C-alpha atoms as a PDB file:
ATOM      1  CA  CYS A   1     130.076  68.393  78.881  1.00  0.00           C
ATOM      2  CA  VAL A   2     127.657  69.932  76.389  1.00  0.00           C
ATOM      3  CA  GLU A   3     123.989  69.111  76.930  1.00  0.00           C
ATOM      4  CA  CYS A   4     121.158  69.741  74.498  1.00  0.00           C
ATOM      5  CA  ASP A   5     117.797  68.448  73.306  1.00  0.00           C
ATOM      6  CA  VAL A   6     118.337  66.365  70.159  1.00  0.00           C
ATOM      7  CA  THR A   7     114.913  67.405  68.879  1.00  0.00           C
ATOM      8  CA  ASP A   8     116.081  71.045  68.834  1.00  0.00           C
ATOM      9  CA  ARG A   9     118.112  71.616  65.669  1.00  0.00           C
ATOM     10  CA  THR A  10     119.285  75.046  66.789  1.00  0.00           C
ATOM     11  CA  ALA A  11     120.529  73.709  70.113  1.00  0.00           C
ATOM     12  CA  LEU A  12     122.310  70.834  68.372  1.00  0.00           C
ATOM     13  CA  ALA A  13     124.010  73.185  65.935  1.00  0.00           C
ATOM     14  CA  GLU A  14     125.264  75.239  68.871  1.00  0.00           C
ATOM     15  CA  ALA A  15     126.459  72.078  70.640  1.00  0.00           C
ATOM     16  CA  ALA A  16     128.373  71.045  67.524  1.00  0.00           C
ATOM     17  CA  ARG A  17     129.942  74.503  67.301  1.00  0.00           C
ATOM     18  CA  ARG A  18     131.059  74.333  70.947  1.00  0.00           C
ATOM     19  CA  VAL A  19     132.526  70.861  70.502  1.00  0.00           C
ATOM     20  CA  ALA A  20     134.583  72.016  67.533  1.00  0.00           C
ATOM     21  CA  ALA A  21     135.718  75.171  69.331  1.00  0.00           C
ATOM     22  CA  GLU A  22     136.675  73.474  72.594  1.00  0.00           C
ATOM     23  CA  LEU A  23     137.834  70.023  71.468  1.00  0.00           C
ATOM     24  CA  GLY A  24     138.441  70.270  67.754  1.00  0.00           C
ATOM     25  CA  PRO A  25     136.350  68.776  64.941  1.00  0.00           C
ATOM     26  CA  ALA A  26     134.608  65.553  65.944  1.00  0.00           C
ATOM     27  CA  ASP A  27     135.870  62.354  64.362  1.00  0.00           C
ATOM     28  CA  VAL A  28     133.388  60.061  66.145  1.00  0.00           C
ATOM     29  CA  VAL A  29     129.715  60.862  66.768  1.00  0.00           C
ATOM     30  CA  VAL A  30     127.282  58.458  68.438  1.00  0.00           C
ATOM     31  CA  ALA A  31     123.531  59.013  68.065  1.00  0.00           C
ATOM     32  CA  ASN A  32     122.425  57.379  71.307  1.00  0.00           C
ATOM     33  CA  ALA A  33     119.493  59.428  72.618  1.00  0.00           C
ATOM     34  CA  GLY A  34     116.454  57.231  73.160  1.00  0.00           C
ATOM     35  CA  ILE A  35     113.212  56.921  75.089  1.00  0.00           C
ATOM     36  CA  ALA A  36     110.424  54.346  75.042  1.00  0.00           C
ATOM     37  CA  VAL A  37     106.780  54.033  75.978  1.00  0.00           C
ATOM     38  CA  SER A  38     104.895  50.781  76.482  1.00  0.00           C
ATOM     39  CA  GLY A  39     101.185  50.302  76.002  1.00  0.00           C
ATOM     40  CA  PRO A  40      98.569  49.722  73.303  1.00  0.00           C
ATOM     41  CA  PHE A  41      98.728  52.074  70.344  1.00  0.00           C
ATOM     42  CA  ASP A  42      95.099  53.139  70.615  1.00  0.00           C
ATOM     43  CA  ARG A  43      95.528  54.037  74.306  1.00  0.00           C
ATOM     44  CA  THR A  44      98.765  55.972  73.888  1.00  0.00           C
ATOM     45  CA  SER A  45      98.413  59.715  73.396  1.00  0.00           C
ATOM     46  CA  GLY A  46      99.504  61.045  70.049  1.00  0.00           C
ATOM     47  CA  GLU A  47     101.835  63.470  71.805  1.00  0.00           C
ATOM     48  CA  LEU A  48     103.643  60.712  73.718  1.00  0.00           C
ATOM     49  CA  TRP A  49     103.897  58.477  70.656  1.00  0.00           C
ATOM     50  CA  GLN A  50     105.256  61.382  68.598  1.00  0.00           C
ATOM     51  CA  ARG A  51     107.808  62.221  71.303  1.00  0.00           C
ATOM     52  CA  VAL A  52     109.384  58.763  70.988  1.00  0.00           C
ATOM     53  CA  ILE A  53     109.698  59.200  67.220  1.00  0.00           C
ATOM     54  CA  ASP A  54     111.067  62.722  67.622  1.00  0.00           C
ATOM     55  CA  VAL A  55     113.814  61.698  70.050  1.00  0.00           C
ATOM     56  CA  ASN A  56     114.798  58.308  68.640  1.00  0.00           C
ATOM     57  CA  LEU A  57     114.499  58.926  64.898  1.00  0.00           C
ATOM     58  CA  ILE A  58     114.342  62.650  64.185  1.00  0.00           C
ATOM     59  CA  GLY A  59     116.907  63.280  66.925  1.00  0.00           C
ATOM     60  CA  SER A  60     119.320  60.901  65.215  1.00  0.00           C
ATOM     61  CA  ALA A  61     118.929  62.703  61.904  1.00  0.00           C
ATOM     62  CA  ASN A  62     119.363  66.059  63.638  1.00  0.00           C
ATOM     63  CA  THR A  63     122.559  64.808  65.276  1.00  0.00           C
ATOM     64  CA  ALA A  64     123.963  63.632  61.959  1.00  0.00           C
ATOM     65  CA  ARG A  65     123.041  66.910  60.269  1.00  0.00           C
ATOM     66  CA  ALA A  66     124.732  68.996  62.968  1.00  0.00           C
ATOM     67  CA  PHE A  67     127.995  67.039  62.986  1.00  0.00           C
ATOM     68  CA  LEU A  68     128.309  65.890  59.380  1.00  0.00           C
ATOM     69  CA  PRO A  69     130.467  68.852  58.299  1.00  0.00           C
ATOM     70  CA  GLN A  70     132.967  67.983  61.042  1.00  0.00           C
ATOM     71  CA  LEU A  71     132.893  64.277  60.218  1.00  0.00           C
ATOM     72  CA  THR A  72     133.498  65.080  56.571  1.00  0.00           C
ATOM     73  CA  ALA A  73     136.508  67.195  57.494  1.00  0.00           C
ATOM     74  CA  THR A  74     137.964  64.462  59.716  1.00  0.00           C
ATOM     75  CA  ARG A  75     136.810  61.529  57.558  1.00  0.00           C
ATOM     76  CA  GLY A  76     135.142  60.337  60.721  1.00  0.00           C
ATOM     77  CA  TYR A  77     132.653  57.767  61.939  1.00  0.00           C
ATOM     78  CA  PHE A  78     128.963  58.173  62.774  1.00  0.00           C
ATOM     79  CA  LEU A  79     127.428  55.429  64.912  1.00  0.00           C
ATOM     80  CA  GLN A  80     123.658  55.024  64.998  1.00  0.00           C
ATOM     81  CA  ILE A  81     122.370  53.149  68.041  1.00  0.00           C
ATOM     82  CA  ALA A  82     119.590  50.850  66.865  1.00  0.00           C
ATOM     83  CA  SER A  83     118.074  47.835  68.582  1.00  0.00           C
ATOM     84  CA  THR A  84     116.838  44.318  68.038  1.00  0.00           C
ATOM     85  CA  ALA A  85     113.461  46.090  68.076  1.00  0.00           C
ATOM     86  CA  ALA A  86     114.269  46.754  64.420  1.00  0.00           C
ATOM     87  CA  PHE A  87     114.421  42.978  63.813  1.00  0.00           C
ATOM     88  CA  GLY A  88     110.894  42.104  64.922  1.00  0.00           C
ATOM     89  CA  ALA A  89     108.367  44.643  66.156  1.00  0.00           C
ATOM     90  CA  ALA A  90     106.871  43.899  69.576  1.00  0.00           C
ATOM     91  CA  PRO A  91     103.222  44.575  70.459  1.00  0.00           C
ATOM     92  CA  MET A  92     102.820  47.327  73.053  1.00  0.00           C
ATOM     93  CA  MET A  93     106.040  48.964  71.809  1.00  0.00           C
ATOM     94  CA  SER A  94     104.892  50.354  68.464  1.00  0.00           C
ATOM     95  CA  ALA A  95     106.532  53.773  68.766  1.00  0.00           C
ATOM     96  CA  TYR A  96     109.866  52.415  69.958  1.00  0.00           C
ATOM     97  CA  CYS A  97     110.012  49.668  67.342  1.00  0.00           C
ATOM     98  CA  ALA A  98     109.023  52.052  64.558  1.00  0.00           C
ATOM     99  CA  SER A  99     111.629  54.571  65.674  1.00  0.00           C
ATOM    100  CA  LYS A 100     114.447  52.009  65.802  1.00  0.00           C
ATOM    101  CA  ALA A 101     113.524  50.475  62.447  1.00  0.00           C
ATOM    102  CA  GLY A 102     113.489  53.982  61.026  1.00  0.00           C
ATOM    103  CA  ALA A 103     116.840  54.820  62.620  1.00  0.00           C
ATOM    104  CA  GLU A 104     118.355  51.713  61.044  1.00  0.00           C
ATOM    105  CA  SER A 105     117.018  52.632  57.595  1.00  0.00           C
ATOM    106  CA  PHE A 106     118.210  56.209  58.009  1.00  0.00           C
ATOM    107  CA  ALA A 107     121.724  55.035  58.859  1.00  0.00           C
ATOM    108  CA  LEU A 108     121.819  52.648  55.898  1.00  0.00           C
ATOM    109  CA  ALA A 109     120.759  55.417  53.524  1.00  0.00           C
ATOM    110  CA  LEU A 110     123.226  57.870  55.047  1.00  0.00           C
ATOM    111  CA  ARG A 111     126.031  55.312  54.746  1.00  0.00           C
ATOM    112  CA  GLY A 112     125.650  55.199  50.982  1.00  0.00           C
ATOM    113  CA  GLU A 113     125.515  58.987  50.707  1.00  0.00           C
ATOM    114  CA  VAL A 114     128.594  59.875  52.753  1.00  0.00           C
ATOM    115  CA  GLU A 115     130.889  56.966  51.914  1.00  0.00           C
ATOM    116  CA  PRO A 116     132.328  58.789  48.865  1.00  0.00           C
ATOM    117  CA  ASP A 117     133.326  61.620  51.238  1.00  0.00           C
ATOM    118  CA  GLY A 118     135.273  59.249  53.461  1.00  0.00           C
ATOM    119  CA  VAL A 119     132.727  59.218  56.294  1.00  0.00           C
ATOM    120  CA  GLN A 120     131.857  55.803  57.691  1.00  0.00           C
ATOM    121  CA  VAL A 121     128.476  54.989  59.233  1.00  0.00           C
ATOM    122  CA  GLY A 122     127.970  52.181  61.714  1.00  0.00           C
ATOM    123  CA  ILE A 123     124.817  50.688  63.178  1.00  0.00           C
ATOM    124  CA  ALA A 124     124.771  49.178  66.668  1.00  0.00           C
ATOM    125  CA  TYR A 125     122.143  46.556  67.450  1.00  0.00           C
ATOM    126  CA  LEU A 126     121.542  46.380  71.199  1.00  0.00           C
ATOM    127  CA  HIS A 127     119.504  43.702  72.949  1.00  0.00           C
ATOM    128  CA  TRP A 128     118.422  43.624  76.613  1.00  0.00           C
ATOM    129  CA  THR A 129     120.588  46.242  78.344  1.00  0.00           C
ATOM    130  CA  GLY A 130     120.306  47.016  82.043  1.00  0.00           C
ATOM    131  CA  THR A 131     119.472  50.712  81.844  1.00  0.00           C
ATOM    132  CA  ASP A 132     116.590  52.653  83.385  1.00  0.00           C
ATOM    133  CA  MET A 133     114.658  52.091  80.158  1.00  0.00           C
ATOM    134  CA  LEU A 134     114.455  48.383  80.949  1.00  0.00           C
ATOM    135  CA  THR A 135     113.366  48.776  84.565  1.00  0.00           C
ATOM    136  CA  GLY A 136     110.021  47.074  85.138  1.00  0.00           C
ATOM    137  CA  ILE A 137     109.807  45.631  81.628  1.00  0.00           C
ATOM    138  CA  ASP A 138     108.958  42.182  83.028  1.00  0.00           C
ATOM    139  CA  ASP A 139     106.014  43.667  84.933  1.00  0.00           C
ATOM    140  CA  HIS A 140     104.141  44.007  81.635  1.00  0.00           C
ATOM    141  CA  PRO A 141     102.641  40.594  80.777  1.00  0.00           C
ATOM    142  CA  VAL A 142     103.003  40.923  77.004  1.00  0.00           C
ATOM    143  CA  LEU A 143     106.613  42.094  77.099  1.00  0.00           C
ATOM    144  CA  ALA A 144     107.415  39.529  79.790  1.00  0.00           C
ATOM    145  CA  ALA A 145     105.995  36.811  77.525  1.00  0.00           C
ATOM    146  CA  LEU A 146     108.120  38.030  74.637  1.00  0.00           C
ATOM    147  CA  ARG A 147     111.265  37.750  76.736  1.00  0.00           C
ATOM    148  CA  ARG A 148     110.233  34.446  78.337  1.00  0.00           C
ATOM    149  CA  ASN A 149     109.768  32.814  74.933  1.00  0.00           C
ATOM    150  CA  GLN A 150     113.211  33.765  73.705  1.00  0.00           C
ATOM    151  CA  PRO A 151     116.061  31.221  73.848  1.00  0.00           C
ATOM    152  CA  ARG A 152     117.850  31.272  77.192  1.00  0.00           C
ATOM    153  CA  PRO A 153     120.937  33.199  75.972  1.00  0.00           C
ATOM    154  CA  ALA A 154     118.658  35.845  74.465  1.00  0.00           C
ATOM    155  CA  ARG A 155     116.950  36.538  77.803  1.00  0.00           C
ATOM    156  CA  ARG A 156     120.116  37.713  79.500  1.00  0.00           C
ATOM    157  CA  VAL A 157     120.284  41.369  80.503  1.00  0.00           C
ATOM    158  CA  HIS A 158     123.733  42.806  79.841  1.00  0.00           C
ATOM    159  CA  SER A 159     125.250  45.521  81.996  1.00  0.00           C
ATOM    160  CA  PRO A 160     125.802  48.988  80.513  1.00  0.00           C
ATOM    161  CA  ALA A 161     129.538  48.526  81.160  1.00  0.00           C
ATOM    162  CA  GLN A 162     129.652  45.361  79.049  1.00  0.00           C
ATOM    163  CA  VAL A 163     127.655  46.945  76.248  1.00  0.00           C
ATOM    164  CA  ALA A 164     129.962  49.969  76.365  1.00  0.00           C
ATOM    165  CA  ARG A 165     132.956  47.660  75.856  1.00  0.00           C
ATOM    166  CA  TRP A 166     131.341  46.099  72.791  1.00  0.00           C
ATOM    167  CA  LEU A 167     130.534  49.539  71.405  1.00  0.00           C
ATOM    168  CA  THR A 168     134.033  50.848  72.113  1.00  0.00           C
ATOM    169  CA  ARG A 169     135.588  47.919  70.274  1.00  0.00           C
ATOM    170  CA  GLY A 170     133.346  48.531  67.275  1.00  0.00           C
ATOM    171  CA  ILE A 171     134.020  52.266  67.256  1.00  0.00           C
ATOM    172  CA  THR A 172     137.770  51.674  67.455  1.00  0.00           C
ATOM    173  CA  HIS A 173     137.632  49.506  64.345  1.00  0.00           C
ATOM    174  CA  ARG A 174     134.996  51.641  62.577  1.00  0.00           C
ATOM    175  CA  THR A 175     132.798  48.557  62.320  1.00  0.00           C
ATOM    176  CA  PRO A 176     129.800  48.823  59.936  1.00  0.00           C
ATOM    177  CA  ASN A 177     127.562  46.690  62.178  1.00  0.00           C
ATOM    178  CA  ILE A 178     128.081  46.295  65.928  1.00  0.00           C
ATOM    179  CA  TYR A 179     126.166  43.605  67.789  1.00  0.00           C
ATOM    180  CA  ALA A 180     125.701  43.734  71.548  1.00  0.00           C
ATOM    181  CA  PRO A 181     125.934  40.874  72.384  1.00  0.00           C
ATOM    182  CA  PRO A 182     128.117  39.698  69.461  1.00  0.00           C
ATOM    183  CA  TRP A 183     126.082  36.541  68.752  1.00  0.00           C
ATOM    184  CA  LEU A 184     123.261  38.741  67.443  1.00  0.00           C
ATOM    185  CA  ARG A 185     125.066  38.852  64.097  1.00  0.00           C
ATOM    186  CA  TRP A 186     123.769  35.336  63.431  1.00  0.00           C
ATOM    187  CA  CYS A 187     120.195  36.635  63.723  1.00  0.00           C
ATOM    188  CA  GLN A 188     120.471  38.848  60.646  1.00  0.00           C
ATOM    189  CA  PRO A 189     119.662  36.070  58.122  1.00  0.00           C
ATOM    190  CA  LEU A 190     116.636  35.091  60.235  1.00  0.00           C
ATOM    191  CA  ARG A 191     115.024  38.520  60.323  1.00  0.00           C
ATOM    192  CA  PRO A 192     112.179  37.644  57.909  1.00  0.00           C
ATOM    193  CA  LEU A 193     110.982  35.070  60.475  1.00  0.00           C
ATOM    194  CA  PHE A 194     110.947  37.341  63.507  1.00  0.00           C
ATOM    195  CA  PRO A 195     107.602  39.170  63.040  1.00  0.00           C
ATOM    196  CA  ALA A 196     105.709  35.863  62.969  1.00  0.00           C
ATOM    197  CA  LEU A 197     107.698  34.494  65.918  1.00  0.00           C
ATOM    198  CA  VAL A 198     107.032  37.608  67.986  1.00  0.00           C
ATOM    199  CA  ALA A 199     103.328  37.498  67.158  1.00  0.00           C
ATOM    200  CA  ARG A 200     103.149  33.854  68.165  1.00  0.00           C
ATOM    201  CA  ALA A 201     105.017  34.468  71.431  1.00  0.00           C
ATOM    202  CA  THR A 202     102.676  37.262  72.525  1.00  0.00           C
ATOM    203  CA  ARG A 203      99.323  36.199  71.047  1.00  0.00           C
ATOM    204  CA  ARG A 204      98.016  34.407  74.133  1.00  0.00           C
ATOM    205  CA  GLU A 205      98.944  37.201  76.532  1.00  0.00           C
ATOM    206  CA  LEU A 206      97.358  39.809  74.282  1.00  0.00           C
ATOM    207  CA  ARG A 207      94.156  37.793  74.076  1.00  0.00           C
ATOM    208  CA  ASP A 208      93.977  37.155  77.820  1.00  0.00           C
ATOM    209  CA  LEU A 209      95.045  40.598  78.977  1.00  0.00           C
ATOM    210  CA  PRO A 210      92.203  42.435  80.780  1.00  0.00           C
ATOM    211  CA  ARG A 211      91.295  45.630  79.005  1.00  0.00           C
ATOM    212  CA  GLU A 212      91.916  47.698  82.122  1.00  0.00           C
ATOM    213  CA  ASP A 213      95.514  46.437  82.220  1.00  0.00           C
ATOM    214  CA  THR A 214      96.216  48.016  78.842  1.00  0.00           C
ATOM    215  CA  SER A 215      94.527  51.347  79.395  1.00  0.00           C
ATOM    216  CA  SER A 216      97.460  53.314  80.836  1.00  0.00           C
ATOM    217  CA  PRO A 217     100.623  53.399  78.759  1.00  0.00           C
ATOM    218  CA  ALA A 218     103.788  53.713  80.790  1.00  0.00           C
ATOM    219  CA  GLU A 219     106.925  55.571  79.822  1.00  0.00           C
ATOM    220  CA  VAL A 220     110.060  53.489  80.283  1.00  0.00           C
END
């Protein structure tokens, strides 16, 4: 096991070197590091907001940069973990949504660049997944309203084991777009509608939320 901070390019370069030395050149790399913070933008410290961007977006680019020489040599596969947060940005999650939308765009741009070299780039769109990041999400009235107003199948929280199976299947087949759960693929054509739907679902809770309830952003 090689651990490093994805925001540290030097540490990532060393991790990539160790992987190649101990296991051989990587033929699959998954950019999965992610953190989130919930709370109003104007009450979230700039440092905390920046940290989410640094880990989720810049960390993904750093990971690709460190391992791209190996993936080029093996004609491998780079998987960017995105989220349905890239489909429709949620109030109180501005940093996370911005980072995941950015990660998606980065992966799409990278895909076009490295395809001539035989490297494939996939994007995984995850929905509600039962990790520590999701713990307590329903305690926040705005985010709870967003989930409550989704269709019943979309409210389901999927276990990490189930999501891992979906990801493994996609990695095995070098799938360009992986959806977890699979029915999310049918949401792609509807993406232009999602910002308005999200705004409508959360408008009442945002209006009625006491100011003191939004004054302390929480890291999730």
